[in-house]
N, C-alpha and C. Protein backbone atom coordinates (compact mmCIF):
# COMPACT_ATOMS: atom_id res chain seq x y z
N UNK A 1 11.07 -20.95 -0.60
CA UNK A 1 10.26 -20.55 -1.74
C UNK A 1 8.98 -19.90 -1.25
N UNK A 2 8.59 -18.81 -1.92
CA UNK A 2 7.31 -18.16 -1.67
C UNK A 2 6.69 -17.78 -3.01
N UNK A 3 5.37 -17.73 -3.02
CA UNK A 3 4.66 -17.17 -4.16
C UNK A 3 4.47 -15.69 -3.85
N UNK A 4 4.73 -14.85 -4.84
CA UNK A 4 4.54 -13.41 -4.68
C UNK A 4 3.57 -12.93 -5.74
N UNK A 5 2.78 -11.93 -5.37
CA UNK A 5 1.89 -11.37 -6.37
C UNK A 5 2.63 -10.30 -7.18
N UNK A 6 1.99 -9.85 -8.22
CA UNK A 6 2.63 -8.90 -9.12
C UNK A 6 3.00 -7.61 -8.41
N UNK A 7 2.18 -7.18 -7.46
CA UNK A 7 2.49 -5.94 -6.74
C UNK A 7 3.85 -6.04 -6.06
N UNK A 8 4.15 -7.17 -5.45
CA UNK A 8 5.43 -7.30 -4.76
C UNK A 8 6.59 -7.24 -5.76
N UNK A 9 6.40 -7.82 -6.94
CA UNK A 9 7.43 -7.75 -7.96
C UNK A 9 7.63 -6.30 -8.40
N UNK A 10 6.52 -5.59 -8.59
CA UNK A 10 6.59 -4.18 -8.95
C UNK A 10 7.34 -3.40 -7.88
N UNK A 11 7.00 -3.63 -6.63
CA UNK A 11 7.63 -2.90 -5.53
C UNK A 11 9.13 -3.18 -5.45
N UNK A 12 9.53 -4.40 -5.79
CA UNK A 12 10.95 -4.74 -5.75
C UNK A 12 11.72 -4.04 -6.87
N UNK A 13 11.13 -3.96 -8.04
CA UNK A 13 11.83 -3.48 -9.23
C UNK A 13 11.72 -1.97 -9.41
N UNK A 14 10.56 -1.42 -9.09
CA UNK A 14 10.31 0.00 -9.34
C UNK A 14 10.32 0.77 -8.02
N UNK A 15 10.93 1.93 -7.99
CA UNK A 15 10.98 2.68 -6.73
C UNK A 15 9.59 3.18 -6.31
N UNK A 16 9.17 2.69 -5.16
CA UNK A 16 7.89 3.10 -4.57
C UNK A 16 8.09 3.23 -3.07
N UNK A 17 7.05 3.62 -2.38
CA UNK A 17 7.13 3.69 -0.93
C UNK A 17 7.24 2.30 -0.29
N UNK A 18 6.97 1.24 -1.09
CA UNK A 18 7.01 -0.12 -0.58
C UNK A 18 8.26 -0.89 -1.02
N UNK A 19 9.18 -0.24 -1.70
CA UNK A 19 10.36 -0.92 -2.22
C UNK A 19 11.22 -1.50 -1.09
N UNK A 20 11.41 -0.77 -0.04
CA UNK A 20 12.22 -1.28 1.08
C UNK A 20 11.60 -2.55 1.66
N UNK A 21 10.29 -2.56 1.84
CA UNK A 21 9.60 -3.73 2.36
C UNK A 21 9.79 -4.92 1.42
N UNK A 22 9.61 -4.70 0.12
CA UNK A 22 9.78 -5.79 -0.85
C UNK A 22 11.23 -6.29 -0.85
N UNK A 23 12.17 -5.39 -0.71
CA UNK A 23 13.58 -5.78 -0.64
C UNK A 23 13.86 -6.64 0.59
N UNK A 24 13.24 -6.32 1.70
CA UNK A 24 13.41 -7.11 2.92
C UNK A 24 12.84 -8.52 2.74
N UNK A 25 11.68 -8.61 2.09
CA UNK A 25 11.10 -9.92 1.80
C UNK A 25 12.05 -10.71 0.91
N UNK A 26 12.61 -10.07 -0.11
CA UNK A 26 13.54 -10.73 -1.03
C UNK A 26 14.79 -11.19 -0.30
N UNK A 27 15.28 -10.38 0.63
CA UNK A 27 16.45 -10.78 1.40
C UNK A 27 16.16 -11.99 2.28
N UNK A 28 14.95 -12.06 2.80
CA UNK A 28 14.58 -13.18 3.66
C UNK A 28 14.36 -14.46 2.85
N UNK A 29 13.79 -14.33 1.65
CA UNK A 29 13.58 -15.49 0.78
C UNK A 29 13.59 -15.00 -0.66
N UNK A 30 14.67 -15.27 -1.36
CA UNK A 30 14.83 -14.79 -2.74
C UNK A 30 14.28 -15.76 -3.78
N UNK A 31 13.72 -16.86 -3.34
CA UNK A 31 13.15 -17.84 -4.26
C UNK A 31 11.68 -17.50 -4.50
N UNK A 32 11.46 -16.48 -5.34
CA UNK A 32 10.11 -16.00 -5.64
C UNK A 32 9.55 -16.75 -6.84
N UNK A 33 8.32 -17.21 -6.73
CA UNK A 33 7.63 -17.84 -7.85
C UNK A 33 6.28 -17.16 -8.04
N UNK A 34 5.76 -17.27 -9.26
CA UNK A 34 4.46 -16.67 -9.59
C UNK A 34 3.89 -17.38 -10.81
N UNK A 35 2.58 -17.29 -10.98
CA UNK A 35 2.01 -17.82 -12.23
C UNK A 35 2.43 -16.95 -13.41
N UNK A 36 2.37 -17.52 -14.60
CA UNK A 36 2.76 -16.77 -15.81
C UNK A 36 2.02 -15.44 -15.92
N UNK A 37 0.86 -15.35 -15.34
CA UNK A 37 0.04 -14.15 -15.37
C UNK A 37 0.78 -12.91 -14.89
N UNK A 38 1.77 -13.06 -14.04
CA UNK A 38 2.46 -11.90 -13.48
C UNK A 38 3.00 -10.99 -14.59
N UNK A 39 3.45 -11.60 -15.70
CA UNK A 39 4.04 -10.81 -16.79
C UNK A 39 3.02 -9.82 -17.37
N UNK A 40 1.82 -10.30 -17.64
CA UNK A 40 0.79 -9.42 -18.20
C UNK A 40 0.40 -8.34 -17.21
N UNK A 41 0.28 -8.71 -15.96
CA UNK A 41 -0.06 -7.70 -14.95
C UNK A 41 1.05 -6.66 -14.80
N UNK A 42 2.28 -7.11 -14.84
CA UNK A 42 3.42 -6.20 -14.73
C UNK A 42 3.46 -5.26 -15.94
N UNK A 43 3.23 -5.83 -17.12
CA UNK A 43 3.19 -5.00 -18.33
C UNK A 43 2.08 -3.96 -18.25
N UNK A 44 0.98 -4.33 -17.64
CA UNK A 44 -0.13 -3.39 -17.49
C UNK A 44 0.26 -2.22 -16.57
N UNK A 45 1.02 -2.50 -15.54
CA UNK A 45 1.54 -1.43 -14.68
C UNK A 45 2.44 -0.51 -15.50
N UNK A 46 3.31 -1.11 -16.29
CA UNK A 46 4.21 -0.31 -17.13
C UNK A 46 3.42 0.50 -18.16
N UNK A 47 2.35 -0.06 -18.68
CA UNK A 47 1.51 0.67 -19.63
C UNK A 47 0.94 1.93 -18.99
N UNK A 48 0.52 1.80 -17.75
CA UNK A 48 -0.01 2.96 -17.02
C UNK A 48 1.08 4.02 -16.84
N UNK A 49 2.26 3.59 -16.45
CA UNK A 49 3.38 4.52 -16.27
C UNK A 49 3.77 5.19 -17.59
N UNK A 50 3.73 4.41 -18.68
CA UNK A 50 4.04 4.97 -20.00
C UNK A 50 3.01 6.03 -20.40
N UNK A 51 1.75 5.71 -20.22
CA UNK A 51 0.68 6.63 -20.63
C UNK A 51 0.65 7.89 -19.78
N UNK A 52 1.09 7.77 -18.54
CA UNK A 52 1.17 8.95 -17.67
C UNK A 52 2.52 9.66 -17.82
N UNK A 53 3.34 9.15 -18.73
CA UNK A 53 4.66 9.71 -19.02
C UNK A 53 5.56 9.76 -17.77
N UNK A 54 5.42 8.74 -16.94
CA UNK A 54 6.27 8.62 -15.76
C UNK A 54 7.56 7.88 -16.08
N UNK A 55 7.53 7.10 -17.17
CA UNK A 55 8.72 6.42 -17.69
C UNK A 55 8.70 6.51 -19.21
N UNK A 56 9.88 6.43 -19.80
CA UNK A 56 9.98 6.39 -21.25
C UNK A 56 9.87 4.94 -21.71
N UNK A 57 9.70 4.74 -22.99
CA UNK A 57 9.66 3.37 -23.52
C UNK A 57 10.95 2.62 -23.22
N UNK A 58 12.13 3.19 -23.45
CA UNK A 58 13.35 2.45 -23.10
C UNK A 58 13.43 2.12 -21.60
N UNK A 59 12.97 3.03 -20.75
CA UNK A 59 12.97 2.76 -19.32
C UNK A 59 12.02 1.61 -18.99
N UNK A 60 10.84 1.64 -19.58
CA UNK A 60 9.86 0.57 -19.34
C UNK A 60 10.41 -0.78 -19.80
N UNK A 61 11.08 -0.78 -20.94
CA UNK A 61 11.66 -2.03 -21.44
C UNK A 61 12.74 -2.54 -20.49
N UNK A 62 13.55 -1.65 -19.98
CA UNK A 62 14.61 -2.04 -19.04
C UNK A 62 14.01 -2.57 -17.73
N UNK A 63 12.97 -1.93 -17.25
CA UNK A 63 12.29 -2.36 -16.02
C UNK A 63 11.72 -3.77 -16.22
N UNK A 64 11.10 -4.00 -17.38
CA UNK A 64 10.53 -5.33 -17.65
C UNK A 64 11.63 -6.37 -17.69
N UNK A 65 12.77 -6.03 -18.30
CA UNK A 65 13.89 -6.97 -18.35
C UNK A 65 14.39 -7.30 -16.95
N UNK A 66 14.43 -6.31 -16.07
CA UNK A 66 14.87 -6.54 -14.68
C UNK A 66 13.91 -7.49 -13.98
N UNK A 67 12.62 -7.27 -14.17
CA UNK A 67 11.62 -8.13 -13.54
C UNK A 67 11.73 -9.56 -14.07
N UNK A 68 11.90 -9.69 -15.37
CA UNK A 68 12.04 -11.01 -15.96
C UNK A 68 13.29 -11.72 -15.45
N UNK A 69 14.33 -10.98 -15.19
CA UNK A 69 15.56 -11.57 -14.64
C UNK A 69 15.30 -12.11 -13.23
N UNK A 70 14.59 -11.35 -12.41
CA UNK A 70 14.27 -11.79 -11.04
C UNK A 70 13.42 -13.06 -11.07
N UNK A 71 12.49 -13.12 -12.02
CA UNK A 71 11.54 -14.23 -12.05
C UNK A 71 11.96 -15.36 -13.00
N UNK A 72 13.15 -15.26 -13.58
CA UNK A 72 13.63 -16.25 -14.54
C UNK A 72 13.52 -17.66 -13.97
N UNK A 73 12.88 -18.53 -14.74
CA UNK A 73 12.67 -19.94 -14.39
C UNK A 73 11.85 -20.12 -13.12
N UNK A 74 11.11 -19.11 -12.70
CA UNK A 74 10.27 -19.20 -11.50
C UNK A 74 8.82 -18.90 -11.82
N UNK A 75 8.40 -19.24 -13.04
CA UNK A 75 7.03 -19.01 -13.48
C UNK A 75 6.37 -20.35 -13.75
N UNK A 76 5.11 -20.45 -13.35
CA UNK A 76 4.40 -21.72 -13.46
C UNK A 76 2.98 -21.51 -13.97
N UNK A 77 2.45 -22.55 -14.58
CA UNK A 77 1.05 -22.53 -14.96
C UNK A 77 0.19 -22.80 -13.74
N UNK A 78 -1.04 -22.37 -13.81
CA UNK A 78 -1.98 -22.61 -12.72
C UNK A 78 -2.99 -23.66 -13.16
N UNK A 79 -3.35 -24.52 -12.24
CA UNK A 79 -4.34 -25.56 -12.51
C UNK A 79 -5.73 -24.91 -12.59
N UNK A 80 -6.35 -24.99 -13.75
CA UNK A 80 -7.64 -24.32 -13.96
C UNK A 80 -8.72 -24.82 -13.01
N UNK A 81 -8.75 -26.13 -12.75
CA UNK A 81 -9.76 -26.66 -11.83
C UNK A 81 -9.60 -26.05 -10.44
N UNK A 82 -8.36 -25.94 -9.99
CA UNK A 82 -8.11 -25.35 -8.67
C UNK A 82 -8.45 -23.87 -8.64
N UNK A 83 -8.07 -23.15 -9.68
CA UNK A 83 -8.38 -21.72 -9.75
C UNK A 83 -9.89 -21.52 -9.67
N UNK A 84 -10.63 -22.29 -10.46
CA UNK A 84 -12.09 -22.15 -10.48
C UNK A 84 -12.71 -22.57 -9.15
N UNK A 85 -12.14 -23.57 -8.49
CA UNK A 85 -12.63 -23.97 -7.16
C UNK A 85 -12.46 -22.82 -6.18
N UNK A 86 -11.31 -22.16 -6.24
CA UNK A 86 -11.05 -21.02 -5.36
C UNK A 86 -11.96 -19.84 -5.69
N UNK A 87 -12.19 -19.61 -6.97
CA UNK A 87 -13.10 -18.54 -7.38
C UNK A 87 -14.50 -18.82 -6.84
N UNK A 88 -14.96 -20.07 -6.97
CA UNK A 88 -16.32 -20.43 -6.53
C UNK A 88 -16.52 -20.24 -5.04
N UNK A 89 -15.43 -20.36 -4.27
CA UNK A 89 -15.54 -20.24 -2.81
C UNK A 89 -15.15 -18.88 -2.27
N UNK A 90 -14.96 -17.90 -3.16
CA UNK A 90 -14.52 -16.58 -2.70
C UNK A 90 -15.11 -15.50 -3.61
N UNK A 91 -14.82 -14.29 -3.27
CA UNK A 91 -15.21 -13.18 -4.15
C UNK A 91 -13.99 -12.60 -4.87
N UNK A 92 -12.87 -13.31 -4.82
CA UNK A 92 -11.64 -12.87 -5.49
C UNK A 92 -11.71 -13.16 -6.99
N UNK A 93 -10.96 -12.39 -7.75
CA UNK A 93 -10.90 -12.59 -9.19
C UNK A 93 -10.15 -13.89 -9.52
N UNK A 94 -10.38 -14.37 -10.71
CA UNK A 94 -9.62 -15.54 -11.17
C UNK A 94 -8.14 -15.23 -11.22
N UNK A 95 -7.81 -13.96 -11.53
CA UNK A 95 -6.40 -13.55 -11.54
C UNK A 95 -5.78 -13.76 -10.16
N UNK A 96 -6.44 -13.26 -9.14
CA UNK A 96 -5.92 -13.41 -7.78
C UNK A 96 -5.86 -14.88 -7.38
N UNK A 97 -6.87 -15.64 -7.79
CA UNK A 97 -6.91 -17.05 -7.41
C UNK A 97 -5.81 -17.87 -8.07
N UNK A 98 -5.25 -17.39 -9.19
CA UNK A 98 -4.10 -18.08 -9.79
C UNK A 98 -2.92 -18.08 -8.82
N UNK A 99 -2.70 -16.97 -8.17
CA UNK A 99 -1.59 -16.87 -7.20
C UNK A 99 -1.86 -17.75 -5.99
N UNK A 100 -3.11 -17.75 -5.51
CA UNK A 100 -3.47 -18.57 -4.36
C UNK A 100 -3.31 -20.05 -4.70
N UNK A 101 -3.80 -20.45 -5.87
CA UNK A 101 -3.71 -21.85 -6.28
C UNK A 101 -2.26 -22.31 -6.38
N UNK A 102 -1.40 -21.47 -6.90
CA UNK A 102 0.01 -21.84 -7.00
C UNK A 102 0.63 -22.01 -5.62
N UNK A 103 0.33 -21.10 -4.71
CA UNK A 103 0.85 -21.20 -3.35
C UNK A 103 0.36 -22.48 -2.69
N UNK A 104 -0.91 -22.80 -2.87
CA UNK A 104 -1.45 -24.02 -2.27
C UNK A 104 -0.84 -25.26 -2.90
N UNK A 105 -0.62 -25.23 -4.21
CA UNK A 105 0.00 -26.36 -4.89
C UNK A 105 1.40 -26.65 -4.34
N UNK A 106 2.17 -25.60 -4.11
CA UNK A 106 3.53 -25.78 -3.59
C UNK A 106 3.59 -25.86 -2.08
N UNK A 107 2.49 -25.56 -1.40
CA UNK A 107 2.48 -25.60 0.06
C UNK A 107 3.34 -24.51 0.68
N UNK A 108 3.35 -23.35 0.03
CA UNK A 108 4.14 -22.21 0.52
C UNK A 108 3.21 -21.00 0.65
N UNK A 109 3.64 -19.98 1.40
CA UNK A 109 2.79 -18.80 1.52
C UNK A 109 2.76 -17.96 0.24
N UNK A 110 1.64 -17.28 0.07
CA UNK A 110 1.52 -16.23 -0.94
C UNK A 110 1.74 -14.92 -0.20
N UNK A 111 2.80 -14.21 -0.54
CA UNK A 111 3.07 -12.92 0.09
C UNK A 111 2.44 -11.85 -0.79
N UNK A 112 1.50 -11.12 -0.19
CA UNK A 112 0.71 -10.16 -0.95
C UNK A 112 0.29 -8.98 -0.08
N UNK A 113 0.02 -7.88 -0.73
CA UNK A 113 -0.53 -6.71 -0.03
C UNK A 113 -2.02 -6.57 -0.32
N UNK A 114 -2.57 -7.49 -1.10
CA UNK A 114 -3.97 -7.44 -1.49
C UNK A 114 -4.85 -7.79 -0.29
N UNK A 115 -5.57 -6.80 0.21
CA UNK A 115 -6.38 -6.98 1.42
C UNK A 115 -7.48 -8.03 1.25
N UNK A 116 -8.09 -8.06 0.09
CA UNK A 116 -9.14 -9.04 -0.15
C UNK A 116 -8.58 -10.46 -0.13
N UNK A 117 -7.46 -10.68 -0.78
CA UNK A 117 -6.83 -12.01 -0.79
C UNK A 117 -6.40 -12.38 0.63
N UNK A 118 -5.83 -11.44 1.36
CA UNK A 118 -5.42 -11.70 2.74
C UNK A 118 -6.63 -12.10 3.60
N UNK A 119 -7.74 -11.42 3.39
CA UNK A 119 -8.94 -11.69 4.18
C UNK A 119 -9.58 -13.03 3.81
N UNK A 120 -9.64 -13.33 2.52
CA UNK A 120 -10.36 -14.52 2.07
C UNK A 120 -9.53 -15.80 2.10
N UNK A 121 -8.22 -15.67 2.13
CA UNK A 121 -7.35 -16.85 2.15
C UNK A 121 -6.30 -16.75 3.26
N UNK A 122 -6.74 -16.62 4.51
CA UNK A 122 -5.78 -16.40 5.61
C UNK A 122 -4.85 -17.59 5.87
N UNK A 123 -5.21 -18.77 5.40
CA UNK A 123 -4.34 -19.93 5.60
C UNK A 123 -3.22 -19.98 4.56
N UNK A 124 -3.37 -19.20 3.50
CA UNK A 124 -2.40 -19.23 2.40
C UNK A 124 -1.67 -17.90 2.26
N UNK A 125 -2.40 -16.81 2.34
CA UNK A 125 -1.84 -15.48 2.07
C UNK A 125 -1.36 -14.80 3.33
N UNK A 126 -0.21 -14.16 3.24
CA UNK A 126 0.34 -13.38 4.35
C UNK A 126 0.82 -12.04 3.82
N UNK A 127 0.73 -11.05 4.66
CA UNK A 127 1.25 -9.73 4.29
C UNK A 127 2.78 -9.76 4.37
N UNK A 128 3.43 -8.87 3.68
CA UNK A 128 4.90 -8.80 3.81
C UNK A 128 5.35 -8.59 5.25
N UNK A 129 4.64 -7.76 6.00
CA UNK A 129 5.01 -7.50 7.40
C UNK A 129 4.94 -8.79 8.22
N UNK A 130 3.89 -9.55 8.03
CA UNK A 130 3.75 -10.82 8.76
C UNK A 130 4.82 -11.81 8.33
N UNK A 131 5.08 -11.87 7.04
CA UNK A 131 6.12 -12.77 6.53
C UNK A 131 7.48 -12.44 7.15
N UNK A 132 7.78 -11.16 7.26
CA UNK A 132 9.07 -10.74 7.79
C UNK A 132 9.23 -11.04 9.28
N UNK A 133 8.14 -11.12 9.99
CA UNK A 133 8.18 -11.44 11.43
C UNK A 133 8.53 -12.91 11.65
N UNK A 134 8.09 -13.77 10.75
CA UNK A 134 8.28 -15.21 10.95
C UNK A 134 9.55 -15.71 10.37
């Protein structure tokens, strides 16, 4: 089991320059978990694609369904006290700290490409490249 941030879910589902890397992470460990927040963040990515006319509404809906299928039954609430403790000790957003808190709660790595999270939580967060090496 690993905690993944929304970017990694996006990279797995939507074709990007990072899709191959996300696929490799998924092949190594397909038990991806995330806080419920991932859905709103993913929808926000789709909103950007819709507004830039990079995808149609039916395409966006299908993409969201694919992401929900990957994350089915792998979504969890975040402990507010822990999130706020992490926020107080870092310059990361509460959104980012939800992912960190979940990883710490389960005692698993958070696989992320977020440089700030990687820098501020090196005991918890790992890059996809580092995860794939281990």
